[in-house]
PDB file of N, CA and C in Angstrom:
ATOM      1  N   MET A   1       0.722  -1.077  -0.024  1.00  0.00           N
ATOM      2  CA  MET A   1      -0.108  -0.050   0.038  1.00  0.00           C
ATOM      3  C   MET A   1       0.756   1.087  -0.033  1.00  0.00           C
ATOM      4  N   ASP A   2       0.808   2.281  -0.853  1.00  0.00           N
ATOM      5  CA  ASP A   2       1.399   3.315  -1.139  1.00  0.00           C
ATOM      6  C   ASP A   2       0.828   4.529  -0.594  1.00  0.00           C
ATOM      7  N   ASN A   3       1.268   4.950   0.578  1.00  0.00           N
ATOM      8  CA  ASN A   3       0.812   6.076   1.167  1.00  0.00           C
ATOM      9  C   ASN A   3       1.587   7.351   1.457  1.00  0.00           C
ATOM     10  N   THR A   4       2.860   7.393   0.381  1.00  0.00           N
ATOM     11  CA  THR A   4       3.815   8.264   0.854  1.00  0.00           C
ATOM     12  C   THR A   4       3.302   9.639   0.449  1.00  0.00           C
ATOM     13  N   GLY A   5       2.103   9.637  -0.421  1.00  0.00           N
ATOM     14  CA  GLY A   5       1.576  11.075  -0.751  1.00  0.00           C
ATOM     15  C   GLY A   5       0.781  11.750   0.460  1.00  0.00           C
ATOM     16  N   LYS A   6       0.430  11.047   1.462  1.00  0.00           N
ATOM     17  CA  LYS A   6      -0.220  11.247   2.553  1.00  0.00           C
ATOM     18  C   LYS A   6       0.648  11.894   3.706  1.00  0.00           C
ATOM     19  N   ILE A   7       2.142  11.600   3.587  1.00  0.00           N
ATOM     20  CA  ILE A   7       2.967  11.758   4.978  1.00  0.00           C
ATOM     21  C   ILE A   7       3.503  13.031   4.455  1.00  0.00           C
ATOM     22  N   GLU A   8       3.598  13.888   5.652  1.00  0.00           N
ATOM     23  CA  GLU A   8       4.002  15.175   5.372  1.00  0.00           C
ATOM     24  C   GLU A   8       5.729  15.049   5.790  1.00  0.00           C
ATOM     25  N   GLY A   9       6.336  16.111   4.890  1.00  0.00           N
ATOM     26  CA  GLY A   9       7.793  16.127   5.250  1.00  0.00           C
ATOM     27  C   GLY A   9       8.245  16.809   6.464  1.00  0.00           C
ATOM     28  N   LEU A  10       9.513  17.114   6.305  1.00  0.00           N
ATOM     29  CA  LEU A  10      10.123  17.974   7.474  1.00  0.00           C
ATOM     30  C   LEU A  10      10.686  19.390   7.054  1.00  0.00           C
ATOM     31  N   THR A  11      10.553  20.581   7.363  1.00  0.00           N
ATOM     32  CA  THR A  11      11.328  21.681   7.358  1.00  0.00           C
ATOM     33  C   THR A  11      12.480  21.609   8.098  1.00  0.00           C
ATOM     34  N   ARG A  12      13.308  22.439   7.908  1.00  0.00           N
ATOM     35  CA  ARG A  12      14.655  22.596   8.709  1.00  0.00           C
ATOM     36  C   ARG A  12      14.297  22.903  10.004  1.00  0.00           C
ATOM     37  N   ARG A  13      13.490  23.342  10.625  1.00  0.00           N
ATOM     38  CA  ARG A  13      13.226  23.704  12.055  1.00  0.00           C
ATOM     39  C   ARG A  13      12.753  22.610  12.667  1.00  0.00           C
ATOM     40  N   GLN A  14      12.111  21.566  11.965  1.00  0.00           N
ATOM     41  CA  GLN A  14      11.659  20.313  12.721  1.00  0.00           C
ATOM     42  C   GLN A  14      12.819  19.302  12.561  1.00  0.00           C
ATOM     43  N   ILE A  15      13.884  19.445  12.028  1.00  0.00           N
ATOM     44  CA  ILE A  15      14.772  18.436  11.965  1.00  0.00           C
ATOM     45  C   ILE A  15      15.678  18.600  13.398  1.00  0.00           C
ATOM     46  N   THR A  16      15.779  17.344  14.186  1.00  0.00           N
ATOM     47  CA  THR A  16      16.812  17.552  15.340  1.00  0.00           C
ATOM     48  C   THR A  16      17.573  16.380  15.169  1.00  0.00           C
ATOM     49  N   PRO A  17      18.554  16.349  16.127  1.00  0.00           N
ATOM     50  CA  PRO A  17      19.546  15.228  16.207  1.00  0.00           C
ATOM     51  C   PRO A  17      18.866  13.752  16.378  1.00  0.00           C
ATOM     52  N   CYS A  18      19.521  12.621  16.250  1.00  0.00           N
ATOM     53  CA  CYS A  18      19.123  11.504  16.558  1.00  0.00           C
ATOM     54  C   CYS A  18      18.620  11.505  18.064  1.00  0.00           C
ATOM     55  N   VAL A  19      17.481  10.662  18.407  1.00  0.00           N
ATOM     56  CA  VAL A  19      17.120  10.800  19.837  1.00  0.00           C
ATOM     57  C   VAL A  19      18.134   9.509  20.503  1.00  0.00           C
ATOM     58  N   MET A  20      18.702   8.772  19.402  1.00  0.00           N
ATOM     59  CA  MET A  20      19.497   7.734  20.265  1.00  0.00           C
ATOM     60  C   MET A  20      20.979   8.013  20.552  1.00  0.00           C
ATOM     61  N   CYS A  21      21.655   8.655  19.175  1.00  0.00           N
ATOM     62  CA  CYS A  21      23.036   8.755  19.309  1.00  0.00           C
ATOM     63  C   CYS A  21      23.428  10.382  19.484  1.00  0.00           C
ATOM     64  N   GLY A  22      22.548  11.134  19.266  1.00  0.00           N
ATOM     65  CA  GLY A  22      22.403  12.567  19.492  1.00  0.00           C
ATOM     66  C   GLY A  22      23.494  13.213  18.290  1.00  0.00           C
ATOM     67  N   HIS A  23      23.787  12.405  17.214  1.00  0.00           N
ATOM     68  CA  HIS A  23      24.392  12.866  15.979  1.00  0.00           C
ATOM     69  C   HIS A  23      23.358  13.274  15.012  1.00  0.00           C
ATOM     70  N   GLY A  24      23.775  14.001  13.825  1.00  0.00           N
ATOM     71  CA  GLY A  24      22.969  14.382  12.875  1.00  0.00           C
ATOM     72  C   GLY A  24      22.270  13.440  12.120  1.00  0.00           C
ATOM     73  N   LEU A  25      21.317  13.355  11.721  1.00  0.00           N
ATOM     74  CA  LEU A  25      20.465  12.342  11.096  1.00  0.00           C
ATOM     75  C   LEU A  25      21.352  11.607   9.913  1.00  0.00           C
ATOM     76  N   MET A  26      22.130  12.497   9.116  1.00  0.00           N
ATOM     77  CA  MET A  26      22.967  11.708   7.934  1.00  0.00           C
ATOM     78  C   MET A  26      24.466  11.635   8.372  1.00  0.00           C
ATOM     79  N   HIS A  27      24.640  11.643   9.617  1.00  0.00           N
ATOM     80  CA  HIS A  27      26.204  11.507   9.876  1.00  0.00           C
ATOM     81  C   HIS A  27      26.987  10.243   9.485  1.00  0.00           C
ATOM     82  N   ASP A  28      26.128   9.258   9.161  1.00  0.00           N
ATOM     83  CA  ASP A  28      27.009   8.265   8.514  1.00  0.00           C
ATOM     84  C   ASP A  28      26.972   8.074   7.011  1.00  0.00           C
ATOM     85  N   GLY A  29      26.489   9.469   6.383  1.00  0.00           N
ATOM     86  CA  GLY A  29      26.410   9.224   5.054  1.00  0.00           C
ATOM     87  C   GLY A  29      25.173   8.891   4.375  1.00  0.00           C
ATOM     88  N   SER A  30      24.261   8.220   4.913  1.00  0.00           N
ATOM     89  CA  SER A  30      23.170   7.715   4.530  1.00  0.00           C
ATOM     90  C   SER A  30      22.038   8.849   4.495  1.00  0.00           C
ATOM     91  N   LEU A  31      21.152   8.928   3.472  1.00  0.00           N
ATOM     92  CA  LEU A  31      20.573  10.098   3.157  1.00  0.00           C
ATOM     93  C   LEU A  31      18.782   9.691   3.478  1.00  0.00           C
ATOM     94  N   SER A  32      18.855   8.627   4.237  1.00  0.00           N
ATOM     95  CA  SER A  32      17.572   8.226   4.706  1.00  0.00           C
ATOM     96  C   SER A  32      17.589   8.285   6.472  1.00  0.00           C
ATOM     97  N   PHE A  33      16.442   8.362   6.945  1.00  0.00           N
ATOM     98  CA  PHE A  33      16.451   8.352   8.433  1.00  0.00           C
ATOM     99  C   PHE A  33      14.946   8.236   8.774  1.00  0.00           C
ATOM    100  N   TYR A  34      14.495   7.771  10.172  1.00  0.00           N
ATOM    101  CA  TYR A  34      13.181   7.448  10.246  1.00  0.00           C
ATOM    102  C   TYR A  34      12.638   8.531  11.385  1.00  0.00           C
ATOM    103  N   ARG A  35      11.123   8.771  11.302  1.00  0.00           N
ATOM    104  CA  ARG A  35      10.593   9.640  11.985  1.00  0.00           C
ATOM    105  C   ARG A  35       9.870   8.449  13.020  1.00  0.00           C
ATOM    106  N   VAL A  36       9.797   8.536  14.182  1.00  0.00           N
ATOM    107  CA  VAL A  36       9.051   7.586  15.166  1.00  0.00           C
ATOM    108  C   VAL A  36       8.100   8.130  15.773  1.00  0.00           C
ATOM    109  N   ARG A  37       6.836   7.777  15.644  1.00  0.00           N
ATOM    110  CA  ARG A  37       5.512   8.414  16.469  1.00  0.00           C
ATOM    111  C   ARG A  37       5.030   7.465  17.123  1.00  0.00           C
ATOM    112  N   ILE A  38       4.874   7.639  18.489  1.00  0.00           N
ATOM    113  CA  ILE A  38       4.344   6.672  19.478  1.00  0.00           C
ATOM    114  C   ILE A  38       2.976   7.124  19.964  1.00  0.00           C
ATOM    115  N   ASP A  39       2.203   6.622  19.830  1.00  0.00           N
ATOM    116  CA  ASP A  39       0.904   6.939  20.623  1.00  0.00           C
ATOM    117  C   ASP A  39       0.683   6.163  21.778  1.00  0.00           C
ATOM    118  N   PHE A  40       0.562   6.512  23.126  1.00  0.00           N
ATOM    119  CA  PHE A  40       0.467   5.615  23.978  1.00  0.00           C
ATOM    120  C   PHE A  40      -1.345   5.732  24.426  1.00  0.00           C
ATOM    121  N   LEU A  41      -1.711   4.398  24.230  1.00  0.00           N
ATOM    122  CA  LEU A  41      -3.283   4.292  24.403  1.00  0.00           C
ATOM    123  C   LEU A  41      -3.890   3.632  25.454  1.00  0.00           C
ATOM    124  N   LEU A  42      -4.993   4.022  26.104  1.00  0.00           N
ATOM    125  CA  LEU A  42      -5.521   3.434  27.056  1.00  0.00           C
ATOM    126  C   LEU A  42      -7.056   2.715  26.759  1.00  0.00           C
ATOM    127  N   ALA A  43      -7.103   1.468  26.992  1.00  0.00           N
ATOM    128  CA  ALA A  43      -8.644   0.748  26.615  1.00  0.00           C
ATOM    129  C   ALA A  43      -9.550   1.626  27.366  1.00  0.00           C
ATOM    130  N   ASP A  44     -10.774   1.727  26.683  1.00  0.00           N
ATOM    131  CA  ASP A  44     -11.817   2.279  27.234  1.00  0.00           C
ATOM    132  C   ASP A  44     -12.858   1.405  27.626  1.00  0.00           C
ATOM    133  N   VAL A  45     -12.528   0.813  28.992  1.00  0.00           N
ATOM    134  CA  VAL A  45     -13.499  -0.147  29.409  1.00  0.00           C
ATOM    135  C   VAL A  45     -14.986  -0.128  29.498  1.00  0.00           C
ATOM    136  N   GLY A  46     -15.655   1.062  29.586  1.00  0.00           N
ATOM    137  CA  GLY A  46     -16.904   1.319  29.118  1.00  0.00           C
ATOM    138  C   GLY A  46     -17.298   0.949  27.789  1.00  0.00           C
ATOM    139  N   ALA A  47     -16.580   1.388  26.966  1.00  0.00           N
ATOM    140  CA  ALA A  47     -17.091   1.024  25.452  1.00  0.00           C
ATOM    141  C   ALA A  47     -16.845  -0.399  25.212  1.00  0.00           C
ATOM    142  N   ILE A  48     -15.680  -1.192  25.663  1.00  0.00           N
ATOM    143  CA  ILE A  48     -15.546  -2.557  25.405  1.00  0.00           C
ATOM    144  C   ILE A  48     -16.662  -3.219  26.124  1.00  0.00           C
ATOM    145  N   LYS A  49     -16.989  -2.939  27.235  1.00  0.00           N
ATOM    146  CA  LYS A  49     -18.302  -3.472  28.023  1.00  0.00           C
ATOM    147  C   LYS A  49     -19.568  -3.442  27.122  1.00  0.00           C
ATOM    148  N   ARG A  50     -19.727  -2.169  26.665  1.00  0.00           N
ATOM    149  CA  ARG A  50     -20.942  -1.888  25.834  1.00  0.00           C
ATOM    150  C   ARG A  50     -20.942  -2.936  24.586  1.00  0.00           C
ATOM    151  N   ARG A  51     -19.720  -2.822  23.938  1.00  0.00           N
ATOM    152  CA  ARG A  51     -19.608  -3.709  22.692  1.00  0.00           C
ATOM    153  C   ARG A  51     -19.800  -5.156  23.109  1.00  0.00           C
ATOM    154  N   GLN A  52     -19.094  -5.632  23.878  1.00  0.00           N
ATOM    155  CA  GLN A  52     -19.406  -6.873  24.378  1.00  0.00           C
ATOM    156  C   GLN A  52     -20.850  -7.402  24.878  1.00  0.00           C
ATOM    157  N   GLY A  53     -21.476  -6.481  25.607  1.00  0.00           N
ATOM    158  CA  GLY A  53     -22.893  -6.747  25.835  1.00  0.00           C
ATOM    159  C   GLY A  53     -23.752  -6.871  24.451  1.00  0.00           C
ATOM    160  N   LEU A  54     -23.357  -5.974  23.745  1.00  0.00           N
ATOM    161  CA  LEU A  54     -24.267  -6.018  22.232  1.00  0.00           C
ATOM    162  C   LEU A  54     -23.820  -7.482  21.647  1.00  0.00           C
ATOM    163  N   GLU A  55     -22.777  -7.913  21.731  1.00  0.00           N
ATOM    164  CA  GLU A  55     -22.469  -9.079  20.925  1.00  0.00           C
ATOM    165  C   GLU A  55     -23.013 -10.260  21.667  1.00  0.00           C
ATOM    166  N   LEU A  56     -23.134 -10.160  22.824  1.00  0.00           N
ATOM    167  CA  LEU A  56     -23.812 -11.198  23.414  1.00  0.00           C
ATOM    168  C   LEU A  56     -25.198 -11.097  23.388  1.00  0.00           C
ATOM    169  N   MET A  57     -25.968  -9.900  23.339  1.00  0.00           N
ATOM    170  CA  MET A  57     -27.494  -9.997  23.240  1.00  0.00           C
ATOM    171  C   MET A  57     -27.668 -10.181  21.858  1.00  0.00           C
ATOM    172  N   MET A  58     -27.011 -10.106  20.682  1.00  0.00           N
ATOM    173  CA  MET A  58     -27.119 -10.158  19.591  1.00  0.00           C
ATOM    174  C   MET A  58     -26.875 -11.779  19.212  1.00  0.00           C
ATOM    175  N   GLY A  59     -25.918 -12.379  19.841  1.00  0.00           N
ATOM    176  CA  GLY A  59     -25.457 -13.841  19.774  1.00  0.00           C
ATOM    177  C   GLY A  59     -24.448 -13.962  18.626  1.00  0.00           C
ATOM    178  N   SER A  60     -24.195 -12.743  17.987  1.00  0.00           N
ATOM    179  CA  SER A  60     -23.159 -12.819  16.859  1.00  0.00           C
ATOM    180  C   SER A  60     -21.976 -11.410  17.002  1.00  0.00           C
ATOM    181  N   VAL A  61     -20.964 -11.854  16.729  1.00  0.00           N
ATOM    182  CA  VAL A  61     -19.950 -10.790  16.514  1.00  0.00           C
ATOM    183  C   VAL A  61     -20.174 -10.060  15.436  1.00  0.00           C
ATOM    184  N   LEU A  62     -20.501 -10.651  14.286  1.00  0.00           N
ATOM    185  CA  LEU A  62     -20.703  -9.915  13.026  1.00  0.00           C
ATOM    186  C   LEU A  62     -21.852  -9.143  13.030  1.00  0.00           C
ATOM    187  N   LEU A  63     -23.094  -9.615  13.591  1.00  0.00           N
ATOM    188  CA  LEU A  63     -24.224  -8.955  13.675  1.00  0.00           C
ATOM    189  C   LEU A  63     -24.011  -7.765  14.449  1.00  0.00           C
ATOM    190  N   ALA A  64     -23.376  -7.774  15.847  1.00  0.00           N
ATOM    191  CA  ALA A  64     -22.974  -6.690  16.502  1.00  0.00           C
ATOM    192  C   ALA A  64     -22.204  -5.574  15.815  1.00  0.00           C
ATOM    193  N   GLU A  65     -21.349  -6.158  15.009  1.00  0.00           N
ATOM    194  CA  GLU A  65     -20.341  -5.262  14.033  1.00  0.00           C
ATOM    195  C   GLU A  65     -21.216  -4.290  13.210  1.00  0.00           C
ATOM    196  N   VAL A  66     -22.227  -4.832  12.758  1.00  0.00           N
ATOM    197  CA  VAL A  66     -23.117  -4.287  11.704  1.00  0.00           C
ATOM    198  C   VAL A  66     -24.243  -3.241  12.650  1.00  0.00           C
ATOM    199  N   MET A  67     -24.579  -3.594  13.792  1.00  0.00           N
ATOM    200  CA  MET A  67     -25.513  -2.720  14.568  1.00  0.00           C
ATOM    201  C   MET A  67     -24.972  -1.751  15.474  1.00  0.00           C
ATOM    202  N   SER A  68     -23.639  -1.826  15.878  1.00  0.00           N
ATOM    203  CA  SER A  68     -23.108  -0.952  16.785  1.00  0.00           C
ATOM    204  C   SER A  68     -22.449   0.273  16.176  1.00  0.00           C
ATOM    205  N   PRO A  69     -22.398   1.504  16.895  1.00  0.00           N
ATOM    206  CA  PRO A  69     -21.778   2.406  16.253  1.00  0.00           C
ATOM    207  C   PRO A  69     -20.323   2.108  16.255  1.00  0.00           C
ATOM    208  N   ASP A  70     -19.581   2.746  15.335  1.00  0.00           N
ATOM    209  CA  ASP A  70     -18.245   2.867  15.144  1.00  0.00           C
ATOM    210  C   ASP A  70     -17.297   3.672  16.297  1.00  0.00           C
ATOM    211  N   GLU A  71     -17.498   2.971  17.552  1.00  0.00           N
ATOM    212  CA  GLU A  71     -16.762   3.646  18.800  1.00  0.00           C
ATOM    213  C   GLU A  71     -15.520   3.218  18.771  1.00  0.00           C
ATOM    214  N   ASN A  72     -14.685   4.380  19.378  1.00  0.00           N
ATOM    215  CA  ASN A  72     -13.358   4.080  19.813  1.00  0.00           C
ATOM    216  C   ASN A  72     -13.197   3.032  21.163  1.00  0.00           C
ATOM    217  N   LEU A  73     -12.471   2.026  21.016  1.00  0.00           N
ATOM    218  CA  LEU A  73     -12.477   1.037  22.080  1.00  0.00           C
ATOM    219  C   LEU A  73     -11.245   1.475  22.951  1.00  0.00           C
ATOM    220  N   ALA A  74     -10.558   2.520  22.494  1.00  0.00           N
ATOM    221  CA  ALA A  74      -9.241   3.138  23.241  1.00  0.00           C
ATOM    222  C   ALA A  74      -9.156   4.499  22.840  1.00  0.00           C
ATOM    223  N   VAL A  75      -8.627   4.943  24.129  1.00  0.00           N
ATOM    224  CA  VAL A  75      -8.433   6.356  23.834  1.00  0.00           C
ATOM    225  C   VAL A  75      -7.030   6.961  23.945  1.00  0.00           C
ATOM    226  N   ALA A  76      -6.522   8.008  23.186  1.00  0.00           N
ATOM    227  CA  ALA A  76      -5.113   8.225  23.163  1.00  0.00           C
ATOM    228  C   ALA A  76      -4.579   9.056  24.625  1.00  0.00           C
ATOM    229  N   ALA A  77      -3.606   8.714  25.294  1.00  0.00           N
ATOM    230  CA  ALA A  77      -3.246   9.095  26.298  1.00  0.00           C
ATOM    231  C   ALA A  77      -2.160  10.333  26.131  1.00  0.00           C
ATOM    232  N   SER A  78      -1.296   9.941  25.197  1.00  0.00           N
ATOM    233  CA  SER A  78      -0.175  10.941  24.939  1.00  0.00           C
ATOM    234  C   SER A  78       0.493  10.389  23.532  1.00  0.00           C
ATOM    235  N   ARG A  79       0.991  11.195  23.065  1.00  0.00           N
ATOM    236  CA  ARG A  79       1.960  11.175  21.557  1.00  0.00           C
ATOM    237  C   ARG A  79       3.376  11.805  21.608  1.00  0.00           C
ATOM    238  N   ASP A  80       4.161  11.120  21.126  1.00  0.00           N
ATOM    239  CA  ASP A  80       5.445  11.504  21.219  1.00  0.00           C
ATOM    240  C   ASP A  80       6.143  11.258  19.766  1.00  0.00           C
ATOM    241  N   GLU A  81       7.034  11.974  19.435  1.00  0.00           N
ATOM    242  CA  GLU A  81       7.654  11.842  18.336  1.00  0.00           C
ATOM    243  C   GLU A  81       9.195  12.175  18.273  1.00  0.00           C
ATOM    244  N   ALA A  82       9.940  11.303  17.478  1.00  0.00           N
ATOM    245  CA  ALA A  82      11.324  11.720  17.505  1.00  0.00           C
ATOM    246  C   ALA A  82      11.911  11.090  16.255  1.00  0.00           C
ATOM    247  N   LEU A  83      13.239  11.729  15.948  1.00  0.00           N
ATOM    248  CA  LEU A  83      14.063  11.213  14.735  1.00  0.00           C
ATOM    249  C   LEU A  83      15.036  10.399  15.043  1.00  0.00           C
ATOM    250  N   VAL A  84      15.096   9.345  14.195  1.00  0.00           N
ATOM    251  CA  VAL A  84      16.338   8.445  14.505  1.00  0.00           C
ATOM    252  C   VAL A  84      17.145   8.141  13.105  1.00  0.00           C
ATOM    253  N   CYS A  85      18.443   8.330  13.267  1.00  0.00           N
ATOM    254  CA  CYS A  85      19.331   8.124  12.287  1.00  0.00           C
ATOM    255  C   CYS A  85      19.178   6.774  11.581  1.00  0.00           C
ATOM    256  N   LEU A  86      19.725   6.169  10.503  1.00  0.00           N
ATOM    257  CA  LEU A  86      19.316   4.922   9.917  1.00  0.00           C
ATOM    258  C   LEU A  86      20.502   4.246  10.747  1.00  0.00           C
ATOM    259  N   SER A  87      21.506   4.523  11.249  1.00  0.00           N
ATOM    260  CA  SER A  87      22.325   3.463  12.090  1.00  0.00           C
ATOM    261  C   SER A  87      21.895   3.204  13.188  1.00  0.00           C
ATOM    262  N   CYS A  88      21.117   3.878  13.906  1.00  0.00           N
ATOM    263  CA  CYS A  88      20.700   3.463  15.100  1.00  0.00           C
ATOM    264  C   CYS A  88      19.212   2.836  14.845  1.00  0.00           C
ATOM    265  N   ALA A  89      18.594   3.211  13.933  1.00  0.00           N
ATOM    266  CA  ALA A  89      17.307   2.349  13.456  1.00  0.00           C
ATOM    267  C   ALA A  89      17.724   0.895  13.393  1.00  0.00           C
ATOM    268  N   LEU A  90      18.690   0.795  12.706  1.00  0.00           N
ATOM    269  CA  LEU A  90      19.199  -0.789  12.405  1.00  0.00           C
ATOM    270  C   LEU A  90      19.961  -1.496  13.670  1.00  0.00           C
ATOM    271  N   ARG A  91      20.380  -0.653  14.501  1.00  0.00           N
ATOM    272  CA  ARG A  91      21.331  -1.197  15.490  1.00  0.00           C
ATOM    273  C   ARG A  91      20.368  -1.413  16.797  1.00  0.00           C
ATOM    274  N   TYR A  92      19.485  -0.506  16.943  1.00  0.00           N
ATOM    275  CA  TYR A  92      18.752  -0.711  18.401  1.00  0.00           C
ATOM    276  C   TYR A  92      17.226  -1.161  18.138  1.00  0.00           C
ATOM    277  N   PRO A  93      16.697  -2.020  19.142  1.00  0.00           N
ATOM    278  CA  PRO A  93      15.378  -2.644  18.812  1.00  0.00           C
ATOM    279  C   PRO A  93      14.304  -1.481  18.909  1.00  0.00           C
ATOM    280  N   LEU A  94      13.401  -1.570  18.619  1.00  0.00           N
ATOM    281  CA  LEU A  94      12.187  -0.416  18.678  1.00  0.00           C
ATOM    282  C   LEU A  94      12.072  -0.213  20.128  1.00  0.00           C
ATOM    283  N   VAL A  95      12.029  -1.381  20.946  1.00  0.00           N
ATOM    284  CA  VAL A  95      11.649  -1.012  22.343  1.00  0.00           C
ATOM    285  C   VAL A  95      12.685   0.174  22.942  1.00  0.00           C
ATOM    286  N   ALA A  96      13.910  -0.050  22.724  1.00  0.00           N
ATOM    287  CA  ALA A  96      14.941   0.934  22.861  1.00  0.00           C
ATOM    288  C   ALA A  96      14.687   2.251  22.620  1.00  0.00           C
ATOM    289  N   ILE A  97      14.266   2.434  21.472  1.00  0.00           N
ATOM    290  CA  ILE A  97      13.882   3.731  20.591  1.00  0.00           C
ATOM    291  C   ILE A  97      12.687   4.298  21.392  1.00  0.00           C
ATOM    292  N   LEU A  98      11.558   3.532  21.686  1.00  0.00           N
ATOM    293  CA  LEU A  98      10.597   4.151  22.598  1.00  0.00           C
ATOM    294  C   LEU A  98      10.833   4.462  23.945  1.00  0.00           C
ATOM    295  N   ASP A  99      11.719   3.762  24.462  1.00  0.00           N
ATOM    296  CA  ASP A  99      12.196   4.151  25.831  1.00  0.00           C
ATOM    297  C   ASP A  99      12.791   5.585  25.731  1.00  0.00           C
ATOM    298  N   ALA A 100      13.561   5.709  24.692  1.00  0.00           N
ATOM    299  CA  ALA A 100      14.636   6.903  24.541  1.00  0.00           C
ATOM    300  C   ALA A 100      13.691   8.035  24.317  1.00  0.00           C
ATOM    301  N   CYS A 101      12.568   7.891  23.535  1.00  0.00           N
ATOM    302  CA  CYS A 101      11.684   8.943  23.312  1.00  0.00           C
ATOM    303  C   CYS A 101      11.140   9.094  24.518  1.00  0.00           C
ATOM    304  N   GLN A 102      10.740   8.458  25.532  1.00  0.00           N
ATOM    305  CA  GLN A 102      10.216   8.723  26.696  1.00  0.00           C
ATOM    306  C   GLN A 102      11.093   9.421  27.731  1.00  0.00           C
ATOM    307  N   HIS A 103      12.215   8.939  27.506  1.00  0.00           N
ATOM    308  CA  HIS A 103      13.223   9.597  28.423  1.00  0.00           C
ATOM    309  C   HIS A 103      14.293  10.347  27.926  1.00  0.00           C
ATOM    310  N   ARG A 104      13.936  11.218  27.000  1.00  0.00           N
ATOM    311  CA  ARG A 104      14.961  12.305  26.360  1.00  0.00           C
ATOM    312  C   ARG A 104      15.852  12.955  27.245  1.00  0.00           C
ATOM    313  N   GLU A 105      15.522  13.324  28.322  1.00  0.00           N
ATOM    314  CA  GLU A 105      16.570  14.250  29.164  1.00  0.00           C
ATOM    315  C   GLU A 105      17.512  13.337  29.632  1.00  0.00           C
ATOM    316  N   GLU A 106      17.196  11.872  30.051  1.00  0.00           N
ATOM    317  CA  GLU A 106      18.290  11.048  30.564  1.00  0.00           C
ATOM    318  C   GLU A 106      19.094  10.400  29.443  1.00  0.00           C
ATOM    319  N   VAL A 107      18.613  10.394  28.081  1.00  0.00           N
ATOM    320  CA  VAL A 107      19.359   9.932  27.169  1.00  0.00           C
ATOM    321  C   VAL A 107      20.392  11.221  26.820  1.00  0.00           C
ATOM    322  N   SER A 108      19.914  12.404  26.653  1.00  0.00           N
ATOM    323  CA  SER A 108      20.863  13.391  26.222  1.00  0.00           C
ATOM    324  C   SER A 108      22.177  13.632  27.258  1.00  0.00           C
ATOM    325  N   CYS A 109      21.948  13.263  28.514  1.00  0.00           N
ATOM    326  CA  CYS A 109      22.801  13.176  29.583  1.00  0.00           C
ATOM    327  C   CYS A 109      23.848  12.003  29.430  1.00  0.00           C
ATOM    328  N   ALA A 110      23.294  11.033  28.914  1.00  0.00           N
ATOM    329  CA  ALA A 110      24.199   9.836  28.888  1.00  0.00           C
ATOM    330  C   ALA A 110      24.935   9.626  27.357  1.00  0.00           C
ATOM    331  N   ARG A 111      24.810  10.622  26.567  1.00  0.00           N
ATOM    332  CA  ARG A 111      25.464  10.656  25.287  1.00  0.00           C
ATOM    333  C   ARG A 111      26.959  11.186  25.629  1.00  0.00           C
ATOM    334  N   SER A 112      27.636  10.424  24.660  1.00  0.00           N
ATOM    335  CA  SER A 112      29.178  11.037  24.839  1.00  0.00           C
ATOM    336  C   SER A 112      29.858  11.178  23.424  1.00  0.00           C
TER     337      SER A 112
END
C-alpha cells in the first residue's frame, strides 16, 4: 500500500539530532532516516463492555459489528515523536527507541 503522498515532510526547523546517538541524522552518509511516532493508548473499559454486551445480546460478533456504532475502544493518552538516524534504527530494537523517546532528558545526559 503506497501512502507516501499522505505523509508530510520536514522543514529545517523540525529536524533534530537522532534521539538515540545525538548525532545529525545523516552523520553516517545515509540520506534516509526515520521519524518515529508513538501513541500511548488506554482501553476504554466502558466502550468495551458496551460492545461485548451487544455481541452477547445479538448472539453474533458479525451482527453486533453491523448494528453497533463505530465507537473507539481505546483513547489516546499521549503522543511522542522523534527522529532516528538509519544507523541507530538498524542497531537498536524498537523498544529501546521507544524508551529513549519517553526519557529524552536522561538519554541526552548519557550521550558522549
